[in-house]
Every structure is written in C-alpha cells, then in structure tokens.
Amino acid sequence: MAILSMECPHCRTPQSPLTSVGAFQIGERRLFMFFVCPVCEKPISAKLFMARAVLGAHSGQELMSWSKTTTSAGWDLEDFWPTQTDSAAPPDAPPQIARNFVQAEEAAARTHREAAGMAYRRVLELTLKDKAPDLKGTLEKRIDKLADGGRLTPDIKDWAHNIRDLGNEATHDEDEPTEDDIADMAAFTRVVLEYLYTMPAKVARRASSTTPAP
C-alpha cells in the first residue's frame, strides 16, 4: 500500500503517513487515490499525477502494492480533499476570547481532546468575566446569576453548564473526553459566543444603518 506523506487536513498531524486503501485510474498519467490517516482514522481523497515513470508503479493497481511513498513511485500530489480550513472564532468576539477559541479549535482538530476541553472551558470563563466582571463565585454560580438576571436564555444557560461540566471532566477525569464530547463543547461554545457577541453586534449595525438622518 502506497503512502502519502502530508499534513492531515482533519487532525493536522504534520507529515502523517496516510495509508492508501483504494485507487481509481482517470487517465494514463492521472488517478484518484483514497487514504486513511493512521492518527485520526479519517479518510482523505487525493488526485495524483505521474511526474516520472518508475518501474512497478505505472498504475493505481501497481501503486496499491507499492510499499513506499507515492513520491518515490513518481506520482506527485495535484489536489486533495477535504481541503484544510483555518479555525476562526465567531465574528465580534473580543480578541482575547477569539484567540482562546481558536486555540481550542486547533487542539480539537489535532485530537488533543483534554487540551481542547480545558481550552473551551477557559473561553467560557473569559466570556463571563468580560460580560459580568462584577460577578463573584464559582463558574456554576456565575452562570446561574447571569441567567437569573435575564442575560442568558434558559437554553444558553444549559449550554454554558454543559461546557463547564465537560471542561471539568477534561481537567480532572483520568479518562480522555470522547470525540462527541469535544464536538458538543465546540458547538455549545460557538453558540454562546454568537449569542453574546455576534448577534448583538449585528443588531447594533442594522439599527445604525437604518437610523434616519436628523
């Protein structure tokens, strides 16, 4: 099985030795190959071009029996899927909060789930500190106080508690958080930031643009 050495677009492992699992010839010198990352076990498709002829590696079928890299077989990478995208925080989040959110996303992409769990919890901590710097007590109590004051909806309150609970587990439990746990934390944290920053900013911009001139 031929190996494609590249940064995995899923987990961002540098020079991950992607293992070929299938090939489809689309011309004498081009083919599609399908790979699996040994780190995150997710699939990658690639389009390869035969830059030079190497004995024993003239076709996709022969490449499937090739034990070295696709480059050593004379096949160069033309394109791959999925494409890699940079992590981004929800619009209008303050810089410090946006930076920590991106760090959490990067840790999650690299399957560093414990680090991601703690980072998402930190984003929540920073958000509450920014929105209610006067509130004291544990994170749990501060979430409840914000909700009691009408600054969080019941659903957002529940999502904030989910982030807190999963973040606590990532910090203190011996077992690593599951992939589903981190996906939930990512989704919950994004919704909280959109509710507290993105949506109010959109409303303010809309109101400003429709305010009649005196």
N, C-alpha and C. Protein backbone atom coordinates (compact mmCIF):
# COMPACT_ATOMS: atom_id res chain seq x y z
N MET A 1 0.84 -1.19 0.00
CA MET A 1 0.00 0.00 0.00
C MET A 1 0.88 1.24 0.00
N ALA A 2 0.66 2.11 -0.98
CA ALA A 2 1.46 3.33 -1.09
C ALA A 2 1.13 4.29 0.05
N ILE A 3 2.12 5.09 0.41
CA ILE A 3 1.98 6.05 1.50
C ILE A 3 2.06 7.47 0.93
N LEU A 4 1.11 8.31 1.35
CA LEU A 4 1.17 9.73 1.00
C LEU A 4 1.52 10.50 2.26
N SER A 5 2.68 11.12 2.26
CA SER A 5 3.14 11.84 3.45
C SER A 5 2.76 13.31 3.33
N MET A 6 1.84 13.76 4.19
CA MET A 6 1.39 15.15 4.16
C MET A 6 0.69 15.46 5.48
N GLU A 7 0.46 16.74 5.73
CA GLU A 7 -0.28 17.13 6.92
C GLU A 7 -1.74 16.72 6.76
N CYS A 8 -2.25 15.97 7.72
CA CYS A 8 -3.63 15.51 7.64
C CYS A 8 -4.58 16.71 7.73
N PRO A 9 -5.52 16.86 6.79
CA PRO A 9 -6.43 18.01 6.84
C PRO A 9 -7.46 17.90 7.97
N HIS A 10 -7.57 16.73 8.58
CA HIS A 10 -8.51 16.55 9.68
C HIS A 10 -7.86 16.87 11.02
N CYS A 11 -6.81 16.11 11.37
CA CYS A 11 -6.20 16.24 12.70
C CYS A 11 -4.95 17.12 12.69
N ARG A 12 -4.52 17.59 11.52
CA ARG A 12 -3.38 18.49 11.38
C ARG A 12 -2.05 17.86 11.79
N THR A 13 -1.99 16.54 11.85
CA THR A 13 -0.72 15.88 12.15
C THR A 13 0.27 16.15 11.02
N PRO A 14 1.42 16.76 11.30
CA PRO A 14 2.37 17.05 10.21
C PRO A 14 3.00 15.79 9.66
N GLN A 15 3.12 15.74 8.35
CA GLN A 15 3.74 14.61 7.65
C GLN A 15 3.16 13.27 8.12
N SER A 16 1.85 13.23 8.22
CA SER A 16 1.19 11.98 8.60
C SER A 16 1.34 10.97 7.45
N PRO A 17 1.72 9.73 7.74
CA PRO A 17 1.86 8.72 6.67
C PRO A 17 0.49 8.15 6.30
N LEU A 18 -0.21 8.85 5.42
CA LEU A 18 -1.55 8.41 5.03
C LEU A 18 -1.46 7.10 4.24
N THR A 19 -2.27 6.14 4.62
CA THR A 19 -2.20 4.80 4.03
C THR A 19 -3.25 4.64 2.94
N SER A 20 -2.84 4.20 1.76
CA SER A 20 -3.77 4.05 0.65
C SER A 20 -4.69 2.85 0.88
N VAL A 21 -5.95 3.06 0.51
CA VAL A 21 -6.95 1.98 0.66
C VAL A 21 -7.68 1.72 -0.65
N GLY A 22 -7.40 2.52 -1.68
CA GLY A 22 -8.06 2.32 -2.96
C GLY A 22 -7.53 3.28 -4.00
N ALA A 23 -7.75 2.94 -5.28
CA ALA A 23 -7.28 3.79 -6.38
C ALA A 23 -8.24 3.69 -7.55
N PHE A 24 -8.36 4.81 -8.28
CA PHE A 24 -9.23 4.85 -9.46
C PHE A 24 -8.50 5.61 -10.57
N GLN A 25 -8.16 4.90 -11.63
CA GLN A 25 -7.40 5.50 -12.73
C GLN A 25 -8.31 6.41 -13.56
N ILE A 26 -7.85 7.64 -13.86
CA ILE A 26 -8.66 8.56 -14.66
C ILE A 26 -7.92 8.99 -15.93
N GLY A 27 -6.87 8.30 -16.26
CA GLY A 27 -6.07 8.60 -17.44
C GLY A 27 -4.75 7.88 -17.33
N GLU A 28 -3.98 7.95 -18.38
CA GLU A 28 -2.71 7.22 -18.36
C GLU A 28 -1.77 7.74 -17.28
N ARG A 29 -1.85 9.04 -16.99
CA ARG A 29 -0.90 9.63 -16.05
C ARG A 29 -1.58 10.28 -14.84
N ARG A 30 -2.87 10.04 -14.67
CA ARG A 30 -3.58 10.62 -13.51
C ARG A 30 -4.47 9.58 -12.86
N LEU A 31 -4.63 9.75 -11.55
CA LEU A 31 -5.52 8.83 -10.83
C LEU A 31 -5.99 9.48 -9.53
N PHE A 32 -7.08 8.97 -9.02
CA PHE A 32 -7.55 9.31 -7.69
C PHE A 32 -7.12 8.18 -6.75
N MET A 33 -6.61 8.55 -5.58
CA MET A 33 -6.32 7.54 -4.55
C MET A 33 -7.01 7.94 -3.27
N PHE A 34 -7.33 6.95 -2.50
CA PHE A 34 -8.07 7.15 -1.25
C PHE A 34 -7.20 6.64 -0.10
N PHE A 35 -7.10 7.49 0.92
CA PHE A 35 -6.18 7.22 2.02
C PHE A 35 -6.91 7.33 3.36
N VAL A 36 -6.28 6.79 4.38
CA VAL A 36 -6.76 6.92 5.76
C VAL A 36 -5.60 7.40 6.62
N CYS A 37 -5.87 8.40 7.45
CA CYS A 37 -4.84 8.88 8.37
C CYS A 37 -4.71 7.90 9.53
N PRO A 38 -3.50 7.43 9.84
CA PRO A 38 -3.33 6.47 10.94
C PRO A 38 -3.52 7.10 12.32
N VAL A 39 -3.53 8.44 12.39
CA VAL A 39 -3.68 9.13 13.67
C VAL A 39 -5.14 9.31 14.04
N CYS A 40 -5.91 9.91 13.14
CA CYS A 40 -7.33 10.18 13.44
C CYS A 40 -8.27 9.19 12.76
N GLU A 41 -7.73 8.36 11.86
CA GLU A 41 -8.50 7.32 11.17
C GLU A 41 -9.62 7.89 10.29
N LYS A 42 -9.39 9.10 9.76
CA LYS A 42 -10.37 9.71 8.87
C LYS A 42 -9.88 9.65 7.43
N PRO A 43 -10.82 9.67 6.46
CA PRO A 43 -10.44 9.47 5.05
C PRO A 43 -9.99 10.75 4.36
N ILE A 44 -9.12 10.58 3.39
CA ILE A 44 -8.64 11.67 2.54
C ILE A 44 -8.61 11.16 1.11
N SER A 45 -9.10 11.97 0.19
CA SER A 45 -9.00 11.65 -1.24
C SER A 45 -7.93 12.54 -1.86
N ALA A 46 -7.23 12.00 -2.84
CA ALA A 46 -6.16 12.76 -3.48
C ALA A 46 -6.14 12.50 -4.98
N LYS A 47 -5.78 13.53 -5.74
CA LYS A 47 -5.58 13.40 -7.18
C LYS A 47 -4.08 13.44 -7.43
N LEU A 48 -3.55 12.41 -8.08
CA LEU A 48 -2.12 12.28 -8.30
C LEU A 48 -1.80 12.32 -9.79
N PHE A 49 -0.62 12.85 -10.09
CA PHE A 49 -0.13 12.95 -11.47
C PHE A 49 1.22 12.24 -11.56
N MET A 50 1.38 11.39 -12.57
CA MET A 50 2.64 10.66 -12.74
C MET A 50 3.67 11.60 -13.37
N ALA A 51 4.56 12.12 -12.54
CA ALA A 51 5.58 13.07 -12.99
C ALA A 51 6.73 12.37 -13.70
N ARG A 52 6.97 11.12 -13.31
CA ARG A 52 8.03 10.35 -13.96
C ARG A 52 7.69 8.86 -13.83
N ALA A 53 8.10 8.10 -14.78
CA ALA A 53 7.80 6.67 -14.79
C ALA A 53 8.78 5.91 -13.90
N VAL A 54 8.23 5.11 -13.00
CA VAL A 54 9.05 4.27 -12.12
C VAL A 54 8.57 2.84 -12.29
N LEU A 55 9.50 1.94 -12.54
CA LEU A 55 9.16 0.54 -12.76
C LEU A 55 8.39 -0.02 -11.55
N GLY A 56 7.26 -0.62 -11.86
CA GLY A 56 6.45 -1.23 -10.80
C GLY A 56 5.43 -0.29 -10.19
N ALA A 57 5.31 0.93 -10.76
CA ALA A 57 4.34 1.89 -10.20
C ALA A 57 3.71 2.71 -11.32
N HIS A 58 3.32 2.03 -12.40
CA HIS A 58 2.77 2.72 -13.56
C HIS A 58 1.28 2.96 -13.48
N SER A 59 0.61 2.36 -12.52
CA SER A 59 -0.85 2.47 -12.46
C SER A 59 -1.32 2.46 -11.01
N GLY A 60 -2.61 2.75 -10.83
CA GLY A 60 -3.18 2.71 -9.49
C GLY A 60 -3.10 1.32 -8.90
N GLN A 61 -3.31 0.31 -9.73
CA GLN A 61 -3.25 -1.07 -9.25
C GLN A 61 -1.85 -1.41 -8.75
N GLU A 62 -0.84 -0.97 -9.50
CA GLU A 62 0.53 -1.23 -9.06
C GLU A 62 0.88 -0.42 -7.81
N LEU A 63 0.34 0.81 -7.73
CA LEU A 63 0.59 1.63 -6.54
C LEU A 63 0.04 0.99 -5.28
N MET A 64 -1.07 0.28 -5.41
CA MET A 64 -1.67 -0.37 -4.24
C MET A 64 -0.75 -1.45 -3.67
N SER A 65 0.21 -1.90 -4.47
CA SER A 65 1.19 -2.89 -3.99
C SER A 65 2.53 -2.24 -3.67
N TRP A 66 2.60 -0.92 -3.85
CA TRP A 66 3.84 -0.18 -3.59
C TRP A 66 4.00 0.04 -2.09
N SER A 67 5.16 -0.25 -1.54
CA SER A 67 5.33 -0.19 -0.08
C SER A 67 5.96 1.11 0.40
N LYS A 68 6.26 2.02 -0.54
CA LYS A 68 6.91 3.27 -0.15
C LYS A 68 5.96 4.45 -0.43
N THR A 69 6.51 5.64 -0.48
CA THR A 69 5.67 6.82 -0.68
C THR A 69 5.28 6.97 -2.15
N THR A 70 4.19 7.69 -2.37
CA THR A 70 3.76 7.96 -3.74
C THR A 70 4.80 8.79 -4.48
N THR A 71 5.49 9.66 -3.77
CA THR A 71 6.53 10.47 -4.40
C THR A 71 7.66 9.60 -4.93
N SER A 72 8.07 8.62 -4.16
CA SER A 72 9.14 7.72 -4.61
C SER A 72 8.70 6.88 -5.80
N ALA A 73 7.37 6.74 -5.97
CA ALA A 73 6.85 5.99 -7.11
C ALA A 73 6.70 6.87 -8.34
N GLY A 74 7.03 8.16 -8.20
CA GLY A 74 6.96 9.06 -9.34
C GLY A 74 5.65 9.80 -9.48
N TRP A 75 4.76 9.68 -8.48
CA TRP A 75 3.46 10.32 -8.53
C TRP A 75 3.44 11.54 -7.61
N ASP A 76 3.10 12.70 -8.18
CA ASP A 76 3.03 13.94 -7.41
C ASP A 76 1.59 14.28 -7.07
N LEU A 77 1.42 14.94 -5.95
CA LEU A 77 0.09 15.34 -5.49
C LEU A 77 -0.38 16.57 -6.26
N GLU A 78 -1.57 16.49 -6.87
CA GLU A 78 -2.17 17.63 -7.56
C GLU A 78 -3.21 18.33 -6.69
N ASP A 79 -4.01 17.55 -5.98
CA ASP A 79 -5.07 18.13 -5.16
C ASP A 79 -5.50 17.10 -4.12
N PHE A 80 -6.19 17.56 -3.08
CA PHE A 80 -6.69 16.63 -2.07
C PHE A 80 -7.97 17.18 -1.45
N TRP A 81 -8.72 16.27 -0.86
CA TRP A 81 -9.98 16.62 -0.21
C TRP A 81 -10.11 15.83 1.10
N PRO A 82 -10.63 16.36 2.17
CA PRO A 82 -11.13 17.73 2.26
C PRO A 82 -9.98 18.73 2.31
N THR A 83 -10.27 19.95 1.89
CA THR A 83 -9.26 20.98 1.99
C THR A 83 -9.15 21.45 3.42
N GLN A 84 -8.00 21.95 3.75
CA GLN A 84 -7.75 22.42 5.12
C GLN A 84 -8.28 23.84 5.28
N THR A 85 -8.99 24.08 6.34
CA THR A 85 -9.51 25.42 6.62
C THR A 85 -8.96 25.92 7.94
N ASP A 86 -8.69 27.22 7.99
CA ASP A 86 -8.21 27.81 9.23
C ASP A 86 -9.35 27.97 10.22
N SER A 87 -9.05 27.75 11.48
CA SER A 87 -10.06 27.94 12.53
C SER A 87 -10.35 29.43 12.68
N ALA A 88 -11.59 29.75 12.99
CA ALA A 88 -11.97 31.15 13.19
C ALA A 88 -13.02 31.23 14.28
N ALA A 89 -12.91 32.26 15.09
CA ALA A 89 -13.89 32.49 16.14
C ALA A 89 -15.12 33.18 15.56
N PRO A 90 -16.26 33.11 16.24
CA PRO A 90 -17.44 33.84 15.77
C PRO A 90 -17.13 35.33 15.66
N PRO A 91 -17.69 36.01 14.67
CA PRO A 91 -17.43 37.44 14.49
C PRO A 91 -17.80 38.25 15.74
N ASP A 92 -17.00 39.30 15.96
CA ASP A 92 -17.24 40.29 17.01
C ASP A 92 -16.87 39.82 18.42
N ALA A 93 -16.34 38.62 18.56
CA ALA A 93 -15.82 38.20 19.87
C ALA A 93 -14.57 39.02 20.17
N PRO A 94 -14.37 39.45 21.41
CA PRO A 94 -13.17 40.22 21.77
C PRO A 94 -11.90 39.43 21.44
N PRO A 95 -10.81 40.12 21.15
CA PRO A 95 -9.58 39.44 20.69
C PRO A 95 -9.09 38.33 21.62
N GLN A 96 -9.08 38.58 22.93
CA GLN A 96 -8.57 37.55 23.84
C GLN A 96 -9.45 36.31 23.81
N ILE A 97 -10.75 36.51 23.75
CA ILE A 97 -11.69 35.38 23.71
C ILE A 97 -11.58 34.67 22.37
N ALA A 98 -11.49 35.44 21.29
CA ALA A 98 -11.35 34.84 19.96
C ALA A 98 -10.06 34.01 19.87
N ARG A 99 -8.97 34.53 20.44
CA ARG A 99 -7.70 33.81 20.39
C ARG A 99 -7.79 32.48 21.13
N ASN A 100 -8.41 32.48 22.30
CA ASN A 100 -8.54 31.24 23.06
C ASN A 100 -9.49 30.25 22.38
N PHE A 101 -10.52 30.77 21.71
CA PHE A 101 -11.42 29.89 20.98
C PHE A 101 -10.68 29.20 19.84
N VAL A 102 -9.87 29.95 19.10
CA VAL A 102 -9.10 29.37 18.01
C VAL A 102 -8.13 28.32 18.54
N GLN A 103 -7.52 28.57 19.68
CA GLN A 103 -6.61 27.59 20.28
C GLN A 103 -7.36 26.31 20.64
N ALA A 104 -8.59 26.46 21.14
CA ALA A 104 -9.40 25.28 21.46
C ALA A 104 -9.74 24.51 20.18
N GLU A 105 -10.10 25.23 19.13
CA GLU A 105 -10.42 24.59 17.86
C GLU A 105 -9.22 23.85 17.28
N GLU A 106 -8.04 24.47 17.38
CA GLU A 106 -6.83 23.83 16.87
C GLU A 106 -6.50 22.57 17.65
N ALA A 107 -6.66 22.62 18.97
CA ALA A 107 -6.41 21.43 19.79
C ALA A 107 -7.40 20.33 19.44
N ALA A 108 -8.66 20.70 19.22
CA ALA A 108 -9.67 19.70 18.85
C ALA A 108 -9.35 19.08 17.49
N ALA A 109 -8.92 19.90 16.54
CA ALA A 109 -8.59 19.40 15.20
C ALA A 109 -7.44 18.41 15.24
N ARG A 110 -6.52 18.62 16.19
CA ARG A 110 -5.37 17.72 16.31
C ARG A 110 -5.67 16.53 17.24
N THR A 111 -6.93 16.39 17.64
CA THR A 111 -7.41 15.33 18.54
C THR A 111 -6.73 15.37 19.90
N HIS A 112 -6.27 16.56 20.32
CA HIS A 112 -5.76 16.75 21.68
C HIS A 112 -6.97 17.10 22.55
N ARG A 113 -7.76 16.09 22.86
CA ARG A 113 -9.09 16.34 23.42
C ARG A 113 -9.06 16.90 24.83
N GLU A 114 -8.13 16.47 25.66
CA GLU A 114 -8.07 17.03 27.01
C GLU A 114 -7.73 18.52 26.96
N ALA A 115 -6.75 18.87 26.13
CA ALA A 115 -6.38 20.28 25.99
C ALA A 115 -7.53 21.09 25.41
N ALA A 116 -8.23 20.51 24.44
CA ALA A 116 -9.37 21.21 23.84
C ALA A 116 -10.47 21.45 24.87
N GLY A 117 -10.76 20.43 25.68
CA GLY A 117 -11.80 20.57 26.69
C GLY A 117 -11.49 21.68 27.68
N MET A 118 -10.25 21.73 28.14
CA MET A 118 -9.86 22.79 29.07
C MET A 118 -9.89 24.16 28.40
N ALA A 119 -9.51 24.20 27.11
CA ALA A 119 -9.48 25.48 26.40
C ALA A 119 -10.89 26.03 26.17
N TYR A 120 -11.83 25.17 25.83
CA TYR A 120 -13.22 25.64 25.65
C TYR A 120 -13.78 26.16 26.97
N ARG A 121 -13.45 25.48 28.05
CA ARG A 121 -13.91 25.96 29.36
C ARG A 121 -13.31 27.33 29.67
N ARG A 122 -12.06 27.53 29.31
CA ARG A 122 -11.41 28.83 29.53
C ARG A 122 -12.12 29.92 28.71
N VAL A 123 -12.54 29.60 27.51
CA VAL A 123 -13.28 30.57 26.70
C VAL A 123 -14.54 31.02 27.45
N LEU A 124 -15.24 30.06 28.05
CA LEU A 124 -16.44 30.40 28.82
C LEU A 124 -16.09 31.29 30.01
N GLU A 125 -15.02 30.94 30.70
CA GLU A 125 -14.58 31.75 31.85
C GLU A 125 -14.30 33.19 31.41
N LEU A 126 -13.55 33.36 30.34
CA LEU A 126 -13.21 34.69 29.86
C LEU A 126 -14.44 35.46 29.41
N THR A 127 -15.38 34.75 28.80
CA THR A 127 -16.60 35.39 28.33
C THR A 127 -17.42 35.93 29.49
N LEU A 128 -17.59 35.14 30.54
CA LEU A 128 -18.36 35.60 31.70
C LEU A 128 -17.65 36.75 32.40
N LYS A 129 -16.33 36.67 32.46
CA LYS A 129 -15.57 37.76 33.07
C LYS A 129 -15.73 39.05 32.28
N ASP A 130 -15.78 38.93 30.96
CA ASP A 130 -15.95 40.10 30.11
C ASP A 130 -17.36 40.68 30.24
N LYS A 131 -18.36 39.81 30.28
CA LYS A 131 -19.75 40.26 30.31
C LYS A 131 -20.23 40.67 31.70
N ALA A 132 -19.65 40.08 32.72
CA ALA A 132 -20.09 40.39 34.09
C ALA A 132 -18.89 40.37 35.02
N PRO A 133 -18.00 41.36 34.91
CA PRO A 133 -16.78 41.36 35.73
C PRO A 133 -17.06 41.51 37.22
N ASP A 134 -18.26 41.98 37.58
CA ASP A 134 -18.61 42.19 38.98
C ASP A 134 -19.06 40.91 39.67
N LEU A 135 -19.42 39.88 38.89
CA LEU A 135 -19.93 38.65 39.50
C LEU A 135 -18.79 37.85 40.13
N LYS A 136 -19.06 37.33 41.31
CA LYS A 136 -18.07 36.53 42.03
C LYS A 136 -18.60 35.10 42.20
N GLY A 137 -17.75 34.23 42.71
CA GLY A 137 -18.16 32.86 42.98
C GLY A 137 -17.67 31.90 41.92
N THR A 138 -18.14 30.67 42.02
CA THR A 138 -17.73 29.64 41.08
C THR A 138 -18.32 29.90 39.70
N LEU A 139 -17.79 29.23 38.71
CA LEU A 139 -18.32 29.38 37.36
C LEU A 139 -19.79 28.97 37.31
N GLU A 140 -20.13 27.93 38.02
CA GLU A 140 -21.52 27.48 38.06
C GLU A 140 -22.44 28.58 38.58
N LYS A 141 -22.05 29.21 39.69
CA LYS A 141 -22.89 30.25 40.28
C LYS A 141 -22.97 31.48 39.39
N ARG A 142 -21.88 31.81 38.72
CA ARG A 142 -21.90 32.98 37.84
C ARG A 142 -22.81 32.76 36.64
N ILE A 143 -22.82 31.54 36.10
CA ILE A 143 -23.74 31.23 35.01
C ILE A 143 -25.19 31.39 35.48
N ASP A 144 -25.48 30.85 36.67
CA ASP A 144 -26.84 30.94 37.20
C ASP A 144 -27.24 32.40 37.46
N LYS A 145 -26.32 33.20 37.97
CA LYS A 145 -26.64 34.61 38.25
C LYS A 145 -26.93 35.38 36.97
N LEU A 146 -26.16 35.11 35.92
CA LEU A 146 -26.41 35.77 34.65
C LEU A 146 -27.78 35.38 34.10
N ALA A 147 -28.11 34.10 34.22
CA ALA A 147 -29.42 33.64 33.75
C ALA A 147 -30.54 34.23 34.59
N ASP A 148 -30.36 34.28 35.90
CA ASP A 148 -31.38 34.87 36.78
C ASP A 148 -31.61 36.34 36.48
N GLY A 149 -30.55 37.02 36.01
CA GLY A 149 -30.67 38.43 35.67
C GLY A 149 -31.18 38.67 34.26
N GLY A 150 -31.53 37.59 33.55
CA GLY A 150 -32.09 37.72 32.22
C GLY A 150 -31.07 37.93 31.12
N ARG A 151 -29.80 37.73 31.42
CA ARG A 151 -28.76 37.97 30.42
C ARG A 151 -28.40 36.71 29.64
N LEU A 152 -28.90 35.57 30.11
CA LEU A 152 -28.78 34.32 29.38
C LEU A 152 -30.16 33.67 29.29
N THR A 153 -30.49 33.17 28.11
CA THR A 153 -31.75 32.44 27.97
C THR A 153 -31.61 31.08 28.67
N PRO A 154 -32.71 30.41 28.98
CA PRO A 154 -32.61 29.07 29.60
C PRO A 154 -31.76 28.10 28.78
N ASP A 155 -31.89 28.14 27.44
CA ASP A 155 -31.11 27.23 26.60
C ASP A 155 -29.62 27.56 26.66
N ILE A 156 -29.30 28.86 26.57
CA ILE A 156 -27.90 29.26 26.64
C ILE A 156 -27.32 28.92 28.01
N LYS A 157 -28.11 29.08 29.05
CA LYS A 157 -27.67 28.70 30.40
C LYS A 157 -27.31 27.21 30.43
N ASP A 158 -28.18 26.38 29.87
CA ASP A 158 -27.93 24.93 29.86
C ASP A 158 -26.67 24.62 29.07
N TRP A 159 -26.48 25.29 27.92
CA TRP A 159 -25.29 25.04 27.11
C TRP A 159 -24.02 25.47 27.85
N ALA A 160 -24.11 26.60 28.56
CA ALA A 160 -22.95 27.07 29.33
C ALA A 160 -22.59 26.05 30.41
N HIS A 161 -23.60 25.49 31.05
CA HIS A 161 -23.33 24.46 32.07
C HIS A 161 -22.74 23.20 31.43
N ASN A 162 -23.17 22.88 30.22
CA ASN A 162 -22.59 21.72 29.53
C ASN A 162 -21.10 21.95 29.27
N ILE A 163 -20.76 23.15 28.83
CA ILE A 163 -19.33 23.47 28.61
C ILE A 163 -18.57 23.35 29.92
N ARG A 164 -19.15 23.89 30.98
CA ARG A 164 -18.49 23.84 32.30
C ARG A 164 -18.29 22.40 32.75
N ASP A 165 -19.35 21.58 32.64
CA ASP A 165 -19.26 20.19 33.10
C ASP A 165 -18.22 19.40 32.30
N LEU A 166 -18.28 19.52 30.97
CA LEU A 166 -17.33 18.78 30.13
C LEU A 166 -15.91 19.29 30.32
N GLY A 167 -15.77 20.61 30.55
CA GLY A 167 -14.45 21.16 30.82
C GLY A 167 -13.88 20.65 32.13
N ASN A 168 -14.74 20.52 33.13
CA ASN A 168 -14.30 19.97 34.42
C ASN A 168 -13.84 18.53 34.26
N GLU A 169 -14.59 17.76 33.46
CA GLU A 169 -14.21 16.37 33.25
C GLU A 169 -12.87 16.27 32.52
N ALA A 170 -12.66 17.15 31.54
CA ALA A 170 -11.39 17.15 30.80
C ALA A 170 -10.23 17.49 31.72
N THR A 171 -10.49 18.32 32.74
CA THR A 171 -9.44 18.76 33.64
C THR A 171 -9.13 17.73 34.71
N HIS A 172 -10.18 17.08 35.23
CA HIS A 172 -9.99 16.26 36.44
C HIS A 172 -10.11 14.76 36.21
N ASP A 173 -10.83 14.32 35.19
CA ASP A 173 -11.03 12.88 34.99
C ASP A 173 -9.79 12.24 34.39
N GLU A 174 -9.57 10.97 34.73
CA GLU A 174 -8.46 10.24 34.14
C GLU A 174 -8.75 9.86 32.69
N ASP A 175 -10.02 9.59 32.39
CA ASP A 175 -10.39 9.20 31.03
C ASP A 175 -10.41 10.43 30.12
N GLU A 176 -9.92 10.23 28.92
CA GLU A 176 -9.91 11.31 27.93
C GLU A 176 -11.33 11.58 27.46
N PRO A 177 -11.69 12.86 27.22
CA PRO A 177 -13.02 13.15 26.66
C PRO A 177 -13.19 12.45 25.32
N THR A 178 -14.43 12.10 24.99
CA THR A 178 -14.69 11.46 23.72
C THR A 178 -14.73 12.50 22.60
N GLU A 179 -14.67 12.02 21.38
CA GLU A 179 -14.77 12.91 20.22
C GLU A 179 -16.12 13.64 20.24
N ASP A 180 -17.18 12.92 20.64
CA ASP A 180 -18.51 13.54 20.71
C ASP A 180 -18.55 14.62 21.79
N ASP A 181 -17.87 14.39 22.91
CA ASP A 181 -17.82 15.40 23.97
C ASP A 181 -17.22 16.70 23.44
N ILE A 182 -16.10 16.58 22.75
CA ILE A 182 -15.42 17.78 22.25
C ILE A 182 -16.24 18.45 21.15
N ALA A 183 -16.89 17.66 20.31
CA ALA A 183 -17.76 18.24 19.28
C ALA A 183 -18.90 19.03 19.93
N ASP A 184 -19.45 18.49 21.01
CA ASP A 184 -20.51 19.20 21.74
C ASP A 184 -19.98 20.50 22.34
N MET A 185 -18.80 20.44 22.96
CA MET A 185 -18.22 21.64 23.56
C MET A 185 -17.97 22.71 22.50
N ALA A 186 -17.47 22.30 21.34
CA ALA A 186 -17.20 23.25 20.27
C ALA A 186 -18.50 23.93 19.82
N ALA A 187 -19.55 23.12 19.64
CA ALA A 187 -20.82 23.66 19.18
C ALA A 187 -21.45 24.57 20.23
N PHE A 188 -21.44 24.12 21.49
CA PHE A 188 -22.03 24.91 22.57
C PHE A 188 -21.29 26.24 22.74
N THR A 189 -19.95 26.18 22.71
CA THR A 189 -19.16 27.39 22.92
C THR A 189 -19.39 28.39 21.78
N ARG A 190 -19.45 27.89 20.56
CA ARG A 190 -19.70 28.78 19.42
C ARG A 190 -21.06 29.46 19.55
N VAL A 191 -22.08 28.71 19.96
CA VAL A 191 -23.42 29.29 20.10
C VAL A 191 -23.43 30.36 21.20
N VAL A 192 -22.75 30.10 22.31
CA VAL A 192 -22.69 31.08 23.40
C VAL A 192 -22.04 32.38 22.91
N LEU A 193 -20.93 32.26 22.18
CA LEU A 193 -20.25 33.46 21.67
C LEU A 193 -21.11 34.19 20.64
N GLU A 194 -21.77 33.45 19.80
CA GLU A 194 -22.65 34.09 18.81
C GLU A 194 -23.80 34.82 19.49
N TYR A 195 -24.34 34.23 20.54
CA TYR A 195 -25.46 34.85 21.26
C TYR A 195 -25.03 36.12 21.98
N LEU A 196 -23.86 36.06 22.62
CA LEU A 196 -23.43 37.19 23.44
C LEU A 196 -22.67 38.27 22.67
N TYR A 197 -22.10 37.94 21.53
CA TYR A 197 -21.29 38.92 20.80
C TYR A 197 -21.78 39.16 19.36
N THR A 198 -21.91 38.08 18.59
CA THR A 198 -22.20 38.24 17.16
C THR A 198 -23.59 38.82 16.92
N MET A 199 -24.59 38.25 17.56
CA MET A 199 -25.97 38.71 17.33
C MET A 199 -26.18 40.16 17.80
N PRO A 200 -25.75 40.53 19.01
CA PRO A 200 -25.92 41.94 19.42
C PRO A 200 -25.20 42.91 18.48
N ALA A 201 -24.02 42.54 18.00
CA ALA A 201 -23.29 43.41 17.09
C ALA A 201 -24.03 43.57 15.77
N LYS A 202 -24.61 42.49 15.28
CA LYS A 202 -25.39 42.56 14.04
C LYS A 202 -26.59 43.47 14.21
N VAL A 203 -27.28 43.32 15.33
CA VAL A 203 -28.46 44.16 15.60
C VAL A 203 -28.05 45.62 15.67
N ALA A 204 -26.94 45.90 16.37
CA ALA A 204 -26.47 47.28 16.51
C ALA A 204 -26.11 47.88 15.16
N ARG A 205 -25.43 47.10 14.31
CA ARG A 205 -25.06 47.61 12.99
C ARG A 205 -26.30 47.86 12.13
N ARG A 206 -27.28 46.95 12.26
CA ARG A 206 -28.51 47.11 11.50
C ARG A 206 -29.27 48.36 11.95
N ALA A 207 -29.33 48.54 13.26
CA ALA A 207 -30.03 49.71 13.79
C ALA A 207 -29.35 51.01 13.36
N SER A 208 -28.02 50.97 13.35
CA SER A 208 -27.27 52.16 12.96
C SER A 208 -27.48 52.50 11.49
N SER A 209 -27.56 51.47 10.66
CA SER A 209 -27.71 51.72 9.22
C SER A 209 -29.11 52.17 8.84
N THR A 210 -30.10 51.89 9.70
CA THR A 210 -31.49 52.26 9.38
C THR A 210 -31.96 53.48 10.15
N THR A 211 -31.09 54.04 11.01
CA THR A 211 -31.48 55.23 11.75
C THR A 211 -31.62 56.41 10.80
N PRO A 212 -32.81 57.06 10.76
CA PRO A 212 -33.00 58.17 9.83
C PRO A 212 -32.13 59.37 10.21
N ALA A 213 -31.65 60.05 9.21
CA ALA A 213 -30.81 61.22 9.45
C ALA A 213 -31.66 62.34 10.05
N PRO A 214 -31.11 63.14 10.97
CA PRO A 214 -31.89 64.24 11.58
C PRO A 214 -32.22 65.32 10.55
